[in-house]
């Protein structure tokens, strides 16, 4: 198989390249990124291309599958720029893959594509209409609508949308710090051994997993016979008691409205980069059941709490990876 991966140098992308390289049936991998990395992965060559403008049909020609991971989280104050990559760019990727005759397209969706619901396990049939107050959620839901339309028009193309929870790993610590916390949050604050208390909003319950495990899910989607959506998450669910126990701190319950108001005020003042819709996602999206993916043989090697601890330790150490998005120096890799 020849597999093309967009967004190949990001948090998930590097791990997907590695997971695909371990598959005997994959003989060639093409990693697409805006900037070529100083990175070597077996059976992989890199191509510099921006999914908004590049001739993707040529890049995808001869591929057996396209894995689309390219996505923008910042600049969160400029949704139009992000929409051009996230929604318009994603549609270009899918349409170009179909035009190039690629038989399978695997898209990076998210738990964020789900509509609000109770904190209980739901399957892939839960409404994927998003949380309106979150640009991230709106964009993910819009892309899935486009994919659903393309699947009807092109039934010969196998289209898969993976919906993972939060994705953590040590090698993405610098990028996650930069994208979600910003320079006013010191790296030392991520030292879980020094946190006296952990303030958390009431009703918080989210799912997470390690980047290695979600990468294996992508490799399975590429090489397996599966279509449609797949939920991806590890145990346990990260709620206040689980988080406090995992980090060995005391939880401090805070009203959800206060947390959102603080996020909105600090975001508006450009004191931190996370727009308040992320709080709504954490509080409103339902929990996912992963039965469908596990029936295909997927099992996570890492716990959600272990992945979180690894991320926090990486933040404290300023860890990163030799690619532009993940480099500790902030885009210099």
Protein backbone atom coordinates (compact mmCIF):
# COMPACT_ATOMS: atom_id res chain seq x y z
CA UNK A 1 0.00 0.00 0.00
CA UNK A 2 0.99 3.59 -0.64
CA UNK A 3 -0.43 5.94 2.01
CA UNK A 4 -0.40 9.74 2.02
CA UNK A 5 -0.70 11.53 5.38
CA UNK A 6 -1.51 15.25 5.60
CA UNK A 7 -0.54 17.08 8.77
CA UNK A 8 2.23 14.51 9.08
CA UNK A 9 4.44 16.50 11.46
CA UNK A 10 1.91 17.24 14.21
CA UNK A 11 0.98 15.62 17.53
CA UNK A 12 -0.79 12.69 15.86
CA UNK A 13 0.91 12.78 12.47
CA UNK A 14 4.38 11.68 13.55
CA UNK A 15 2.92 8.72 15.45
CA UNK A 16 0.73 7.76 12.49
CA UNK A 17 3.78 7.65 10.23
CA UNK A 18 5.49 5.34 12.71
CA UNK A 19 2.42 3.11 13.08
CA UNK A 20 2.02 2.78 9.31
CA UNK A 21 5.73 2.03 8.89
CA UNK A 22 5.29 -0.98 11.19
CA UNK A 23 2.62 -2.48 8.92
CA UNK A 24 3.94 -5.03 6.44
CA UNK A 25 1.25 -4.14 3.91
CA UNK A 26 2.36 -0.49 3.77
CA UNK A 27 5.37 -0.15 1.46
CA UNK A 28 5.45 3.63 0.94
CA UNK A 29 4.35 6.62 3.04
CA UNK A 30 4.19 10.23 1.88
CA UNK A 31 4.10 12.77 4.70
CA UNK A 32 2.57 16.12 3.70
CA UNK A 33 3.37 19.21 5.78
CA UNK A 34 3.70 22.92 5.20
CA UNK A 35 7.36 22.76 6.29
CA UNK A 36 9.69 19.85 5.67
CA UNK A 37 10.92 18.32 8.95
CA UNK A 38 14.36 17.19 10.09
CA UNK A 39 12.86 13.79 10.76
CA UNK A 40 13.47 10.30 9.40
CA UNK A 41 10.77 7.62 9.44
CA UNK A 42 11.16 4.25 7.68
CA UNK A 43 9.59 4.03 4.21
CA UNK A 44 8.57 7.69 4.44
CA UNK A 45 9.33 10.71 2.28
CA UNK A 46 8.05 14.21 2.95
CA UNK A 47 6.39 16.70 0.60
CA UNK A 48 5.92 20.38 1.40
CA UNK A 49 2.37 21.48 0.58
CA UNK A 50 -0.39 23.67 2.00
CA UNK A 51 -3.73 21.89 1.69
CA UNK A 52 -5.46 25.20 0.94
CA UNK A 53 -3.57 25.86 -2.29
CA UNK A 54 -1.40 22.93 -3.41
CA UNK A 55 -2.11 20.60 -6.32
CA UNK A 56 -3.26 17.78 -4.07
CA UNK A 57 -4.45 15.58 -6.93
CA UNK A 58 -0.83 15.18 -8.02
CA UNK A 59 0.32 14.52 -4.46
CA UNK A 60 -2.38 11.87 -3.95
CA UNK A 61 -1.96 10.15 -7.32
CA UNK A 62 -1.32 6.42 -7.00
CA UNK A 63 -2.16 6.30 -3.28
CA UNK A 64 -4.22 3.51 -1.76
CA UNK A 65 -5.33 5.71 1.15
CA UNK A 66 -5.15 9.31 2.32
CA UNK A 67 -5.07 10.04 6.05
CA UNK A 68 -6.10 13.65 6.65
CA UNK A 69 -4.76 15.09 9.91
CA UNK A 70 -3.98 18.72 8.99
CA UNK A 71 -5.90 21.09 11.28
CA UNK A 72 -5.48 24.54 12.83
CA UNK A 73 -6.08 25.34 16.51
CA UNK A 74 -4.59 28.82 16.36
CA UNK A 75 -4.95 31.75 15.73
CA UNK A 76 -8.15 31.36 17.76
CA UNK A 77 -8.93 35.09 17.39
CA UNK A 78 -9.07 34.67 13.61
CA UNK A 79 -11.68 32.05 12.84
CA UNK A 80 -11.77 32.92 9.14
CA UNK A 81 -8.15 31.83 8.72
CA UNK A 82 -8.78 28.60 10.60
CA UNK A 83 -11.96 27.91 8.63
CA UNK A 84 -10.00 28.12 5.38
CA UNK A 85 -7.76 25.25 6.51
CA UNK A 86 -10.10 23.25 8.72
CA UNK A 87 -13.28 23.22 6.68
CA UNK A 88 -12.41 24.38 3.17
CA UNK A 89 -9.00 22.68 3.23
CA UNK A 90 -10.45 19.41 4.52
CA UNK A 91 -13.03 19.40 1.74
CA UNK A 92 -10.25 20.02 -0.80
CA UNK A 93 -8.34 17.05 0.59
CA UNK A 94 -11.32 14.69 0.30
CA UNK A 95 -12.37 15.91 -3.14
CA UNK A 96 -8.79 15.79 -4.44
CA UNK A 97 -8.35 12.25 -3.13
CA UNK A 98 -11.53 11.17 -4.91
CA UNK A 99 -10.45 12.91 -8.12
CA UNK A 100 -7.06 11.17 -7.90
CA UNK A 101 -8.80 7.81 -7.65
CA UNK A 102 -7.80 7.07 -4.05
CA UNK A 103 -10.04 4.27 -2.74
CA UNK A 104 -9.91 5.22 0.97
CA UNK A 105 -9.97 8.51 2.90
CA UNK A 106 -9.45 8.50 6.68
CA UNK A 107 -10.28 11.81 8.37
CA UNK A 108 -9.30 13.10 11.80
CA UNK A 109 -12.59 14.04 13.41
CA UNK A 110 -13.09 14.35 17.18
CA UNK A 111 -15.36 13.83 20.15
CA UNK A 112 -15.94 17.54 19.58
CA UNK A 113 -18.15 16.76 16.59
CA UNK A 114 -20.88 15.44 18.90
CA UNK A 115 -23.90 17.44 19.99
CA UNK A 116 -24.39 18.13 23.68
CA UNK A 117 -25.56 15.18 25.72
CA UNK A 118 -25.46 13.48 29.09
CA UNK A 119 -22.20 12.23 30.53
CA UNK A 120 -22.87 8.64 29.58
CA UNK A 121 -21.45 6.35 26.89
CA UNK A 122 -22.87 6.90 23.42
CA UNK A 123 -22.15 5.18 20.14
CA UNK A 124 -21.24 6.67 16.79
CA UNK A 125 -24.93 7.25 16.03
CA UNK A 126 -25.17 10.14 18.52
CA UNK A 127 -25.92 13.38 16.59
CA UNK A 128 -22.68 14.82 15.16
CA UNK A 129 -23.90 18.41 14.98
CA UNK A 130 -21.34 19.90 17.35
CA UNK A 131 -21.41 22.42 20.18
CA UNK A 132 -22.36 25.79 18.59
CA UNK A 133 -20.32 27.91 21.03
CA UNK A 134 -17.04 26.20 20.04
CA UNK A 135 -15.39 27.05 16.73
CA UNK A 136 -13.44 23.78 16.93
CA UNK A 137 -16.66 21.82 17.29
CA UNK A 138 -18.42 23.76 14.53
CA UNK A 139 -15.54 23.08 12.16
CA UNK A 140 -15.37 19.36 12.97
CA UNK A 141 -19.12 18.97 12.48
CA UNK A 142 -19.02 20.89 9.19
CA UNK A 143 -16.30 18.62 7.81
CA UNK A 144 -18.22 15.49 8.76
CA UNK A 145 -21.29 16.84 6.94
CA UNK A 146 -19.13 17.30 3.83
CA UNK A 147 -17.76 13.78 4.15
CA UNK A 148 -21.27 12.36 4.51
CA UNK A 149 -22.30 14.10 1.28
CA UNK A 150 -19.23 12.78 -0.54
CA UNK A 151 -19.86 9.25 0.76
CA UNK A 152 -23.33 9.30 -0.80
CA UNK A 153 -22.06 10.65 -4.12
CA UNK A 154 -19.04 8.33 -4.24
CA UNK A 155 -20.06 5.03 -2.60
CA UNK A 156 -17.03 3.27 -4.10
CA UNK A 157 -14.73 5.34 -1.85
CA UNK A 158 -14.23 4.06 1.68
CA UNK A 159 -14.53 7.10 3.99
CA UNK A 160 -13.68 6.77 7.69
CA UNK A 161 -13.89 9.47 10.40
CA UNK A 162 -12.02 8.79 13.65
CA UNK A 163 -13.45 10.59 16.68
CA UNK A 164 -10.81 10.55 19.42
CA UNK A 165 -10.84 12.21 22.80
CA UNK A 166 -8.00 14.44 23.99
CA UNK A 167 -4.63 13.25 22.69
CA UNK A 168 -1.53 13.45 24.89
CA UNK A 169 2.13 12.52 24.65
CA UNK A 170 5.46 13.83 25.90
CA UNK A 171 6.66 14.79 22.44
CA UNK A 172 3.77 17.24 22.00
CA UNK A 173 4.22 18.97 25.36
CA UNK A 174 5.75 22.16 23.95
CA UNK A 175 3.07 22.48 21.26
CA UNK A 176 0.15 21.86 23.62
CA UNK A 177 1.62 24.36 26.10
CA UNK A 178 1.91 26.93 23.32
CA UNK A 179 -1.52 26.33 21.75
CA UNK A 180 -3.64 26.05 24.88
CA UNK A 181 -1.82 27.66 27.80
CA UNK A 182 0.43 30.36 26.40
CA UNK A 183 3.51 32.11 27.81
CA UNK A 184 1.83 33.30 31.02
CA UNK A 185 1.52 29.70 32.22
CA UNK A 186 5.00 28.76 33.47
CA UNK A 187 6.33 25.30 32.70
CA UNK A 188 7.01 24.79 36.40
CA UNK A 189 3.26 24.96 37.05
CA UNK A 190 2.92 21.65 35.21
CA UNK A 191 4.90 19.91 37.96
CA UNK A 192 2.22 17.59 39.28
CA UNK A 193 4.27 16.94 42.42
CA UNK A 194 3.98 20.58 43.50
CA UNK A 195 0.31 21.27 42.83
CA UNK A 196 -1.34 21.97 46.21
CA UNK A 197 -4.90 21.82 44.86
CA UNK A 198 -6.47 21.33 41.45
CA UNK A 199 -9.41 23.66 40.69
CA UNK A 200 -11.87 21.90 38.37
CA UNK A 201 -15.35 22.83 37.15
CA UNK A 202 -18.29 20.83 38.43
CA UNK A 203 -19.57 18.38 35.87
CA UNK A 204 -16.22 17.92 34.15
CA UNK A 205 -15.79 14.50 32.52
CA UNK A 206 -13.60 14.04 29.46
CA UNK A 207 -11.87 11.20 27.68
CA UNK A 208 -8.27 11.02 26.55
CA UNK A 209 -5.67 8.68 25.15
CA UNK A 210 -2.02 8.50 24.15
CA UNK A 211 -0.94 9.55 20.65
CA UNK A 212 0.60 6.10 20.10
CA UNK A 213 -2.78 4.46 20.64
CA UNK A 214 -4.75 6.77 18.38
CA UNK A 215 -2.07 6.24 15.72
CA UNK A 216 -2.70 2.51 15.86
CA UNK A 217 -6.39 3.22 15.34
CA UNK A 218 -5.55 5.22 12.21
CA UNK A 219 -3.33 2.41 10.91
CA UNK A 220 -6.17 -0.04 11.52
CA UNK A 221 -8.61 2.21 9.65
CA UNK A 222 -6.20 2.41 6.71
CA UNK A 223 -5.53 -1.31 6.39
CA UNK A 224 -8.87 -2.70 7.56
CA UNK A 225 -12.27 -3.02 5.94
CA UNK A 226 -14.22 -0.34 7.81
CA UNK A 227 -16.34 2.68 6.90
CA UNK A 228 -18.01 5.48 8.78
CA UNK A 229 -17.24 6.87 12.23
CA UNK A 230 -15.14 5.29 14.98
CA UNK A 231 -14.94 6.49 18.58
CA UNK A 232 -11.44 6.35 20.09
CA UNK A 233 -10.65 6.73 23.80
CA UNK A 234 -8.83 5.04 26.67
CA UNK A 235 -9.86 4.46 30.25
CA UNK A 236 -10.43 5.88 32.78
CA UNK A 237 -12.72 8.84 32.19
CA UNK A 238 -11.02 11.99 33.47
CA UNK A 239 -13.38 13.48 36.04
CA UNK A 240 -12.39 15.55 39.10
CA UNK A 241 -11.85 12.59 41.43
CA UNK A 242 -9.87 10.60 38.86
CA UNK A 243 -7.74 13.59 37.93
CA UNK A 244 -6.98 14.42 41.54
CA UNK A 245 -6.03 10.83 42.33
CA UNK A 246 -3.87 10.52 39.23
CA UNK A 247 -1.98 13.72 40.01
CA UNK A 248 -1.93 13.15 43.78
CA UNK A 249 -3.55 16.50 44.60
CA UNK A 250 -6.70 17.68 46.31
CA UNK A 251 -9.56 18.66 43.97
CA UNK A 252 -11.19 22.07 44.39
CA UNK A 253 -14.72 22.18 43.00
CA UNK A 254 -15.46 25.39 41.10
CA UNK A 255 -18.73 26.52 39.55
CA UNK A 256 -18.66 25.84 35.81
CA UNK A 257 -20.01 29.32 35.05
CA UNK A 258 -17.08 30.93 36.85
CA UNK A 259 -14.58 28.84 34.92
CA UNK A 260 -16.15 29.77 31.61
CA UNK A 261 -16.35 33.45 32.53
CA UNK A 262 -12.67 33.44 33.49
CA UNK A 263 -11.75 31.69 30.23
CA UNK A 264 -13.77 34.19 28.21
CA UNK A 265 -12.32 37.24 29.97
CA UNK A 266 -8.70 36.12 29.74
CA UNK A 267 -9.13 35.05 26.11
CA UNK A 268 -10.70 38.39 25.16
CA UNK A 269 -7.79 40.17 26.86
CA UNK A 270 -5.28 37.99 24.96
CA UNK A 271 -3.87 36.70 28.25
CA UNK A 272 -4.21 33.07 27.19
CA UNK A 273 -4.95 31.43 23.80
CA UNK A 274 -7.83 29.04 24.63
CA UNK A 275 -11.24 30.32 23.57
CA UNK A 276 -14.07 29.58 26.03
CA UNK A 277 -15.79 27.11 23.71
CA UNK A 278 -13.27 24.52 24.90
CA UNK A 279 -14.85 24.74 28.37
CA UNK A 280 -18.24 24.07 26.80
CA UNK A 281 -16.83 21.03 25.00
CA UNK A 282 -15.45 19.59 28.22
CA UNK A 283 -18.74 20.06 30.04
CA UNK A 284 -21.31 19.28 27.35
CA UNK A 285 -20.06 16.54 25.05
CA UNK A 286 -21.17 13.01 25.95
CA UNK A 287 -18.76 10.20 26.76
CA UNK A 288 -17.97 7.79 23.94
CA UNK A 289 -18.36 4.02 23.77
CA UNK A 290 -15.51 2.40 21.82
CA UNK A 291 -17.12 -0.99 21.14
CA UNK A 292 -17.02 -0.64 17.37
CA UNK A 293 -13.28 0.04 17.26
CA UNK A 294 -12.50 -2.65 19.80
CA UNK A 295 -14.45 -5.16 17.70
CA UNK A 296 -11.84 -4.51 15.00
CA UNK A 297 -9.09 -5.56 17.41
CA UNK A 298 -7.96 -2.19 18.76
CA UNK A 299 -6.77 -2.04 22.37
CA UNK A 300 -4.98 0.96 23.94
CA UNK A 301 -1.56 0.29 25.49
CA UNK A 302 -1.68 3.40 27.68
CA UNK A 303 -4.23 4.60 30.23
CA UNK A 304 -5.72 8.06 29.93
CA UNK A 305 -4.18 9.07 33.26
CA UNK A 306 -0.78 7.73 32.21
CA UNK A 307 -0.91 9.76 29.01
CA UNK A 308 -1.82 12.89 31.01
CA UNK A 309 1.03 12.37 33.47
CA UNK A 310 3.44 11.93 30.57
CA UNK A 311 2.24 15.19 29.01
CA UNK A 312 2.61 17.17 32.24
CA UNK A 313 6.09 15.82 32.84
CA UNK A 314 6.95 16.79 29.27
CA UNK A 315 5.66 20.32 29.83
CA UNK A 316 7.78 20.67 32.95
CA UNK A 317 10.83 19.53 30.97
CA UNK A 318 10.02 21.58 27.86
CA UNK A 319 9.86 18.43 25.74
CA UNK A 320 9.13 18.44 22.02
CA UNK A 321 9.89 16.75 18.70
CA UNK A 322 12.03 17.74 15.71
CA UNK A 323 9.20 19.04 13.56
CA UNK A 324 7.97 22.60 13.13
CA UNK A 325 4.67 22.21 15.05
CA UNK A 326 6.18 20.20 17.92
CA UNK A 327 9.55 21.90 18.32
CA UNK A 328 10.21 23.38 21.81
CA UNK A 329 11.43 26.59 20.18
CA UNK A 330 8.00 27.13 18.67
CA UNK A 331 7.96 26.40 14.96
CA UNK A 332 11.70 26.27 14.29
CA UNK A 333 12.01 22.54 13.70
